[in-house]
Amino acid sequence: MEYRNLGASGLSVSTLCLGTMTFGEADEKSFMHKVGCDAETSFAIMNRALDKGLNFFDTANVYGQDGLSERVIGEWFERDGRRDEVVLATKFRFRMGPGPNGTGASRRHIVRAVEDSLRRLRTDRIDLYQVHMQDIDTPEEETMRALDDLVRQGKVLYLGASNYAAYRLVESLWACDRARLDRFVALQAQYSLLERGLEREHVPLCQRFGLGILPWSPLAGG
């Protein structure tokens, strides 16, 4: 397996990342709508991936009903004891609770979201914590200050963005530079031979600011 540093950081990750969106029993209310694999199959997939040198796993709190994907990974960590072998990435942003603060990238939502993810994942830290999508109702500096606090507390080690518009990503990077906050080290975005819009603005932006690019759906769902 080949490994590379994630963006300009010192974090070494495999060039292949294991996506876990389908981990957990299939359910109509799940993120994938009746598409999924049971816990034992998920455990076998993760063990096989690690045994082959793939150390980078990606999930999100909205994958599976009530964070099921995170819970399956947490059960595996506890059962097989391989947490320290994994570079663990998860995401927050979409609705996980009732009311206006049950979604978004505000400080209030972030503080609740990270604690819930840590509990489900049965771990004391998240290696890469990603904003699943920009929140235009929350100032970028508020989001990044809250995330910077998590880094200082040791609950999160690195920060990432996902599905950000180019202008919003630049706003975030500038806000971090002004306030001397930890900033994103990577962008996760849709990228494949069929979906190449990323090349127009995002790829040059990431090259300029030293962000790694994590393509999702690299086979365009095939």
C-alpha atoms as a PDB file:
ATOM      1  CA  MET A   1       0.000   0.000   0.000  1.00  0.00           C
ATOM      2  CA  GLU A   2       1.212   3.511  -0.800  1.00  0.00           C
ATOM      3  CA  TYR A   3       0.932   6.232   1.845  1.00  0.00           C
ATOM      4  CA  ARG A   4       0.927  10.011   1.499  1.00  0.00           C
ATOM      5  CA  ASN A   5       0.789  12.968   3.832  1.00  0.00           C
ATOM      6  CA  LEU A   6      -2.657  14.506   4.019  1.00  0.00           C
ATOM      7  CA  GLY A   7      -2.274  17.945   2.505  1.00  0.00           C
ATOM      8  CA  ALA A   8       0.503  19.944   4.155  1.00  0.00           C
ATOM      9  CA  SER A   9       0.079  18.039   7.439  1.00  0.00           C
ATOM     10  CA  GLY A  10       2.306  15.303   8.806  1.00  0.00           C
ATOM     11  CA  LEU A  11      -0.565  12.794   8.924  1.00  0.00           C
ATOM     12  CA  SER A  12       0.208   9.732   6.790  1.00  0.00           C
ATOM     13  CA  VAL A  13      -2.778   8.029   5.149  1.00  0.00           C
ATOM     14  CA  SER A  14      -3.182   5.217   2.640  1.00  0.00           C
ATOM     15  CA  THR A  15      -3.977   6.316  -0.905  1.00  0.00           C
ATOM     16  CA  LEU A  16      -7.175   4.277  -0.644  1.00  0.00           C
ATOM     17  CA  CYS A  17      -9.761   5.221   1.967  1.00  0.00           C
ATOM     18  CA  LEU A  18     -12.462   2.856   3.232  1.00  0.00           C
ATOM     19  CA  GLY A  19     -15.885   4.496   3.042  1.00  0.00           C
ATOM     20  CA  THR A  20     -18.358   3.166   5.605  1.00  0.00           C
ATOM     21  CA  MET A  21     -21.639   4.758   4.558  1.00  0.00           C
ATOM     22  CA  THR A  22     -23.310   1.354   4.149  1.00  0.00           C
ATOM     23  CA  PHE A  23     -22.151  -0.134   7.476  1.00  0.00           C
ATOM     24  CA  GLY A  24     -25.032  -1.372   9.621  1.00  0.00           C
ATOM     25  CA  GLU A  25     -28.329  -3.069   8.961  1.00  0.00           C
ATOM     26  CA  ALA A  26     -30.291  -1.780   5.958  1.00  0.00           C
ATOM     27  CA  ASP A  27     -33.191   0.448   6.993  1.00  0.00           C
ATOM     28  CA  GLU A  28     -35.645   2.683   5.148  1.00  0.00           C
ATOM     29  CA  LYS A  29     -34.667   5.600   7.409  1.00  0.00           C
ATOM     30  CA  SER A  30     -30.952   5.119   6.885  1.00  0.00           C
ATOM     31  CA  PHE A  31     -28.795   7.461   4.800  1.00  0.00           C
ATOM     32  CA  MET A  32     -28.613   4.844   2.038  1.00  0.00           C
ATOM     33  CA  HIS A  33     -32.323   3.848   2.076  1.00  0.00           C
ATOM     34  CA  LYS A  34     -32.336   0.063   2.551  1.00  0.00           C
ATOM     35  CA  VAL A  35     -28.756  -0.442   1.345  1.00  0.00           C
ATOM     36  CA  GLY A  36     -26.353  -1.769   3.955  1.00  0.00           C
ATOM     37  CA  CYS A  37     -24.347  -4.651   5.396  1.00  0.00           C
ATOM     38  CA  ASP A  38     -24.687  -6.128   8.871  1.00  0.00           C
ATOM     39  CA  ALA A  39     -22.204  -5.596  11.698  1.00  0.00           C
ATOM     40  CA  GLU A  40     -20.307  -8.868  11.257  1.00  0.00           C
ATOM     41  CA  THR A  41     -19.791  -8.191   7.552  1.00  0.00           C
ATOM     42  CA  SER A  42     -18.657  -4.661   8.395  1.00  0.00           C
ATOM     43  CA  PHE A  43     -16.156  -6.014  10.956  1.00  0.00           C
ATOM     44  CA  ALA A  44     -14.748  -8.410   8.355  1.00  0.00           C
ATOM     45  CA  ILE A  45     -14.385  -5.613   5.794  1.00  0.00           C
ATOM     46  CA  MET A  46     -12.480  -3.403   8.246  1.00  0.00           C
ATOM     47  CA  ASN A  47     -10.146  -6.205   9.322  1.00  0.00           C
ATOM     48  CA  ARG A  48      -9.463  -7.126   5.705  1.00  0.00           C
ATOM     49  CA  ALA A  49      -8.744  -3.494   4.815  1.00  0.00           C
ATOM     50  CA  LEU A  50      -6.273  -3.064   7.680  1.00  0.00           C
ATOM     51  CA  ASP A  51      -4.582  -6.365   6.933  1.00  0.00           C
ATOM     52  CA  LYS A  52      -3.975  -5.107   3.378  1.00  0.00           C
ATOM     53  CA  GLY A  53      -2.430  -1.859   4.636  1.00  0.00           C
ATOM     54  CA  LEU A  54      -5.438   0.434   4.179  1.00  0.00           C
ATOM     55  CA  ASN A  55      -5.347   2.587   7.328  1.00  0.00           C
ATOM     56  CA  PHE A  56      -7.769   5.410   6.422  1.00  0.00           C
ATOM     57  CA  PHE A  57     -11.468   4.969   7.322  1.00  0.00           C
ATOM     58  CA  ASP A  58     -14.154   7.591   6.642  1.00  0.00           C
ATOM     59  CA  THR A  59     -17.627   7.837   8.167  1.00  0.00           C
ATOM     60  CA  ALA A  60     -20.165  10.491   9.225  1.00  0.00           C
ATOM     61  CA  ASN A  61     -22.706  10.914  11.983  1.00  0.00           C
ATOM     62  CA  VAL A  62     -25.570  10.792   9.452  1.00  0.00           C
ATOM     63  CA  TYR A  63     -24.515   7.454   7.945  1.00  0.00           C
ATOM     64  CA  GLY A  64     -27.128   4.981   9.124  1.00  0.00           C
ATOM     65  CA  GLN A  65     -30.064   5.738  11.384  1.00  0.00           C
ATOM     66  CA  ASP A  66     -28.994   7.444  14.637  1.00  0.00           C
ATOM     67  CA  GLY A  67     -25.301   7.272  13.747  1.00  0.00           C
ATOM     68  CA  LEU A  68     -25.340   3.539  13.013  1.00  0.00           C
ATOM     69  CA  SER A  69     -22.142   3.524  10.936  1.00  0.00           C
ATOM     70  CA  GLU A  70     -20.219   5.208  13.763  1.00  0.00           C
ATOM     71  CA  ARG A  71     -21.684   2.758  16.272  1.00  0.00           C
ATOM     72  CA  VAL A  72     -20.634  -0.240  14.181  1.00  0.00           C
ATOM     73  CA  ILE A  73     -17.082   1.114  13.949  1.00  0.00           C
ATOM     74  CA  GLY A  74     -17.056   1.743  17.703  1.00  0.00           C
ATOM     75  CA  GLU A  75     -18.166  -1.819  18.404  1.00  0.00           C
ATOM     76  CA  TRP A  76     -15.365  -3.081  16.173  1.00  0.00           C
ATOM     77  CA  PHE A  77     -12.769  -0.912  17.944  1.00  0.00           C
ATOM     78  CA  GLU A  78     -13.886  -2.332  21.284  1.00  0.00           C
ATOM     79  CA  ARG A  79     -14.065  -5.932  20.089  1.00  0.00           C
ATOM     80  CA  ASP A  80     -10.925  -6.173  17.956  1.00  0.00           C
ATOM     81  CA  GLY A  81      -8.748  -3.542  19.664  1.00  0.00           C
ATOM     82  CA  ARG A  82      -7.368  -2.012  16.460  1.00  0.00           C
ATOM     83  CA  ARG A  83      -8.180   1.657  17.079  1.00  0.00           C
ATOM     84  CA  ASP A  84      -4.550   2.789  17.035  1.00  0.00           C
ATOM     85  CA  GLU A  85      -4.018   1.269  13.578  1.00  0.00           C
ATOM     86  CA  VAL A  86      -6.728   3.446  12.023  1.00  0.00           C
ATOM     87  CA  VAL A  87      -6.719   7.051  10.841  1.00  0.00           C
ATOM     88  CA  LEU A  88     -10.356   7.762  11.670  1.00  0.00           C
ATOM     89  CA  ALA A  89     -12.299  10.442   9.804  1.00  0.00           C
ATOM     90  CA  THR A  90     -15.878  11.420  10.513  1.00  0.00           C
ATOM     91  CA  LYS A  91     -18.134  14.320   9.620  1.00  0.00           C
ATOM     92  CA  PHE A  92     -20.863  16.514  11.098  1.00  0.00           C
ATOM     93  CA  ARG A  93     -23.216  19.206   9.817  1.00  0.00           C
ATOM     94  CA  PHE A  94     -26.546  17.620   8.877  1.00  0.00           C
ATOM     95  CA  ARG A  95     -29.515  17.217  11.181  1.00  0.00           C
ATOM     96  CA  MET A  96     -29.052  14.886  14.131  1.00  0.00           C
ATOM     97  CA  GLY A  97     -31.648  16.297  16.513  1.00  0.00           C
ATOM     98  CA  PRO A  98     -34.819  18.393  16.767  1.00  0.00           C
ATOM     99  CA  GLY A  99     -35.089  22.162  16.683  1.00  0.00           C
ATOM    100  CA  PRO A 100     -33.068  24.864  14.926  1.00  0.00           C
ATOM    101  CA  ASN A 101     -29.818  23.899  16.671  1.00  0.00           C
ATOM    102  CA  GLY A 102     -30.053  20.214  15.775  1.00  0.00           C
ATOM    103  CA  THR A 103     -28.162  20.893  12.553  1.00  0.00           C
ATOM    104  CA  GLY A 104     -25.506  23.250  11.203  1.00  0.00           C
ATOM    105  CA  ALA A 105     -21.948  24.288  12.043  1.00  0.00           C
ATOM    106  CA  SER A 106     -22.558  26.585  15.004  1.00  0.00           C
ATOM    107  CA  ARG A 107     -20.475  26.253  18.164  1.00  0.00           C
ATOM    108  CA  ARG A 108     -23.453  24.793  19.998  1.00  0.00           C
ATOM    109  CA  HIS A 109     -24.075  22.109  17.387  1.00  0.00           C
ATOM    110  CA  ILE A 110     -20.382  21.258  17.046  1.00  0.00           C
ATOM    111  CA  VAL A 111     -19.898  20.727  20.793  1.00  0.00           C
ATOM    112  CA  ARG A 112     -22.847  18.336  20.922  1.00  0.00           C
ATOM    113  CA  ALA A 113     -21.956  16.590  17.665  1.00  0.00           C
ATOM    114  CA  VAL A 114     -18.370  15.766  18.611  1.00  0.00           C
ATOM    115  CA  GLU A 115     -19.341  14.356  22.008  1.00  0.00           C
ATOM    116  CA  ASP A 116     -22.010  12.172  20.412  1.00  0.00           C
ATOM    117  CA  SER A 117     -19.582  10.902  17.762  1.00  0.00           C
ATOM    118  CA  LEU A 118     -16.888  10.117  20.337  1.00  0.00           C
ATOM    119  CA  ARG A 119     -19.420   8.157  22.371  1.00  0.00           C
ATOM    120  CA  ARG A 120     -20.685   6.179  19.375  1.00  0.00           C
ATOM    121  CA  LEU A 121     -17.165   5.515  18.107  1.00  0.00           C
ATOM    122  CA  ARG A 122     -15.968   4.486  21.588  1.00  0.00           C
ATOM    123  CA  THR A 123     -12.784   6.487  21.238  1.00  0.00           C
ATOM    124  CA  ASP A 124     -11.144   9.472  22.912  1.00  0.00           C
ATOM    125  CA  ARG A 125     -10.214  11.297  19.707  1.00  0.00           C
ATOM    126  CA  ILE A 126     -11.131  11.752  16.054  1.00  0.00           C
ATOM    127  CA  ASP A 127      -8.160  11.937  13.707  1.00  0.00           C
ATOM    128  CA  LEU A 128      -9.871  13.992  10.974  1.00  0.00           C
ATOM    129  CA  TYR A 129     -13.062  15.905  11.819  1.00  0.00           C
ATOM    130  CA  GLN A 130     -14.817  17.288   8.747  1.00  0.00           C
ATOM    131  CA  VAL A 131     -17.611  19.781   8.194  1.00  0.00           C
ATOM    132  CA  HIS A 132     -19.919  17.788   5.920  1.00  0.00           C
ATOM    133  CA  MET A 133     -21.125  20.897   4.067  1.00  0.00           C
ATOM    134  CA  GLN A 134     -20.778  24.631   4.500  1.00  0.00           C
ATOM    135  CA  ASP A 135     -23.303  26.352   6.772  1.00  0.00           C
ATOM    136  CA  ILE A 136     -24.143  29.736   5.274  1.00  0.00           C
ATOM    137  CA  ASP A 137     -26.072  30.709   8.420  1.00  0.00           C
ATOM    138  CA  THR A 138     -22.975  30.506  10.637  1.00  0.00           C
ATOM    139  CA  PRO A 139     -19.897  32.740  10.267  1.00  0.00           C
ATOM    140  CA  GLU A 140     -16.819  30.760   9.289  1.00  0.00           C
ATOM    141  CA  GLU A 141     -14.836  32.200  12.187  1.00  0.00           C
ATOM    142  CA  GLU A 142     -17.375  30.830  14.689  1.00  0.00           C
ATOM    143  CA  THR A 143     -17.149  27.377  13.138  1.00  0.00           C
ATOM    144  CA  MET A 144     -13.367  27.399  13.012  1.00  0.00           C
ATOM    145  CA  ARG A 145     -12.954  28.750  16.554  1.00  0.00           C
ATOM    146  CA  ALA A 146     -15.131  25.936  17.858  1.00  0.00           C
ATOM    147  CA  LEU A 147     -13.128  23.378  15.873  1.00  0.00           C
ATOM    148  CA  ASP A 148      -9.834  24.928  16.993  1.00  0.00           C
ATOM    149  CA  ASP A 149     -10.974  24.482  20.602  1.00  0.00           C
ATOM    150  CA  LEU A 150     -11.530  20.769  19.937  1.00  0.00           C
ATOM    151  CA  VAL A 151      -7.990  20.465  18.575  1.00  0.00           C
ATOM    152  CA  ARG A 152      -6.580  22.183  21.659  1.00  0.00           C
ATOM    153  CA  GLN A 153      -8.612  19.828  23.871  1.00  0.00           C
ATOM    154  CA  GLY A 154      -7.201  16.789  22.064  1.00  0.00           C
ATOM    155  CA  LYS A 155     -10.630  15.520  21.016  1.00  0.00           C
ATOM    156  CA  VAL A 156      -9.833  16.201  17.350  1.00  0.00           C
ATOM    157  CA  LEU A 157      -6.390  16.051  15.719  1.00  0.00           C
ATOM    158  CA  TYR A 158      -6.953  17.475  12.213  1.00  0.00           C
ATOM    159  CA  LEU A 159      -9.733  19.413  10.490  1.00  0.00           C
ATOM    160  CA  GLY A 160     -11.302  18.947   7.074  1.00  0.00           C
ATOM    161  CA  ALA A 161     -14.003  20.392   4.839  1.00  0.00           C
ATOM    162  CA  SER A 162     -16.437  18.495   2.648  1.00  0.00           C
ATOM    163  CA  ASN A 163     -18.556  19.715  -0.266  1.00  0.00           C
ATOM    164  CA  TYR A 164     -17.525  23.354   0.227  1.00  0.00           C
ATOM    165  CA  ALA A 165     -17.954  25.958  -2.478  1.00  0.00           C
ATOM    166  CA  ALA A 166     -14.588  27.435  -3.434  1.00  0.00           C
ATOM    167  CA  TYR A 167     -15.436  30.939  -2.176  1.00  0.00           C
ATOM    168  CA  ARG A 168     -16.525  29.582   1.204  1.00  0.00           C
ATOM    169  CA  LEU A 169     -13.402  27.478   1.566  1.00  0.00           C
ATOM    170  CA  VAL A 170     -11.233  30.542   0.934  1.00  0.00           C
ATOM    171  CA  GLU A 171     -13.257  32.525   3.497  1.00  0.00           C
ATOM    172  CA  SER A 172     -12.554  29.808   6.058  1.00  0.00           C
ATOM    173  CA  LEU A 173      -8.826  29.703   5.314  1.00  0.00           C
ATOM    174  CA  TRP A 174      -8.546  33.488   5.516  1.00  0.00           C
ATOM    175  CA  ALA A 175     -10.492  33.575   8.791  1.00  0.00           C
ATOM    176  CA  CYS A 176      -8.094  31.033  10.280  1.00  0.00           C
ATOM    177  CA  ASP A 177      -5.052  32.972   9.118  1.00  0.00           C
ATOM    178  CA  ARG A 178      -6.398  36.205  10.633  1.00  0.00           C
ATOM    179  CA  ALA A 179      -7.281  34.633  13.972  1.00  0.00           C
ATOM    180  CA  ARG A 180      -4.363  32.157  14.037  1.00  0.00           C
ATOM    181  CA  LEU A 181      -6.648  29.143  14.247  1.00  0.00           C
ATOM    182  CA  ASP A 182      -6.060  25.573  13.128  1.00  0.00           C
ATOM    183  CA  ARG A 183      -7.345  25.313   9.577  1.00  0.00           C
ATOM    184  CA  PHE A 184      -8.521  22.639   7.202  1.00  0.00           C
ATOM    185  CA  VAL A 185      -5.884  20.228   5.907  1.00  0.00           C
ATOM    186  CA  ALA A 186      -8.112  18.525   3.325  1.00  0.00           C
ATOM    187  CA  LEU A 187     -11.200  18.896   1.160  1.00  0.00           C
ATOM    188  CA  GLN A 188     -13.509  15.945   0.535  1.00  0.00           C
ATOM    189  CA  ALA A 189     -15.496  16.417  -2.660  1.00  0.00           C
ATOM    190  CA  GLN A 190     -17.118  14.516  -5.502  1.00  0.00           C
ATOM    191  CA  TYR A 191     -14.537  13.761  -8.178  1.00  0.00           C
ATOM    192  CA  SER A 192     -14.405  11.136 -10.912  1.00  0.00           C
ATOM    193  CA  LEU A 193     -13.951  10.783 -14.656  1.00  0.00           C
ATOM    194  CA  LEU A 194     -17.627  11.714 -15.010  1.00  0.00           C
ATOM    195  CA  GLU A 195     -17.673  14.515 -12.416  1.00  0.00           C
ATOM    196  CA  ARG A 196     -14.719  16.835 -13.000  1.00  0.00           C
ATOM    197  CA  GLY A 197     -16.066  20.223 -11.950  1.00  0.00           C
ATOM    198  CA  LEU A 198     -13.574  20.208  -9.083  1.00  0.00           C
ATOM    199  CA  GLU A 199     -10.755  20.911 -11.528  1.00  0.00           C
ATOM    200  CA  ARG A 200     -11.945  24.403 -12.405  1.00  0.00           C
ATOM    201  CA  GLU A 201     -11.520  26.143  -9.035  1.00  0.00           C
ATOM    202  CA  HIS A 202     -11.052  23.673  -6.200  1.00  0.00           C
ATOM    203  CA  VAL A 203      -7.951  21.849  -7.415  1.00  0.00           C
ATOM    204  CA  PRO A 204      -5.918  25.058  -7.966  1.00  0.00           C
ATOM    205  CA  LEU A 205      -7.207  26.380  -4.629  1.00  0.00           C
ATOM    206  CA  CYS A 206      -6.101  23.249  -2.782  1.00  0.00           C
ATOM    207  CA  GLN A 207      -2.706  23.344  -4.478  1.00  0.00           C
ATOM    208  CA  ARG A 208      -2.272  26.993  -3.514  1.00  0.00           C
ATOM    209  CA  PHE A 209      -3.194  26.493   0.157  1.00  0.00           C
ATOM    210  CA  GLY A 210      -1.741  23.023   0.712  1.00  0.00           C
ATOM    211  CA  LEU A 211      -4.981  21.072   1.163  1.00  0.00           C
ATOM    212  CA  GLY A 212      -5.252  17.397   0.342  1.00  0.00           C
ATOM    213  CA  ILE A 213      -8.145  16.269  -1.861  1.00  0.00           C
ATOM    214  CA  LEU A 214     -10.265  13.300  -0.794  1.00  0.00           C
ATOM    215  CA  PRO A 215     -12.544  12.291  -3.690  1.00  0.00           C
ATOM    216  CA  TRP A 216     -15.873  10.753  -2.837  1.00  0.00           C
ATOM    217  CA  SER A 217     -17.680   8.534  -5.324  1.00  0.00           C
ATOM    218  CA  PRO A 218     -14.504   8.108  -7.422  1.00  0.00           C
ATOM    219  CA  LEU A 219     -16.312   5.496  -9.535  1.00  0.00           C
ATOM    220  CA  ALA A 220     -19.366   7.757  -9.900  1.00  0.00           C
ATOM    221  CA  GLY A 221     -21.481   5.300  -7.944  1.00  0.00           C
ATOM    222  CA  GLY A 222     -20.504   2.412 -10.228  1.00  0.00           C
END
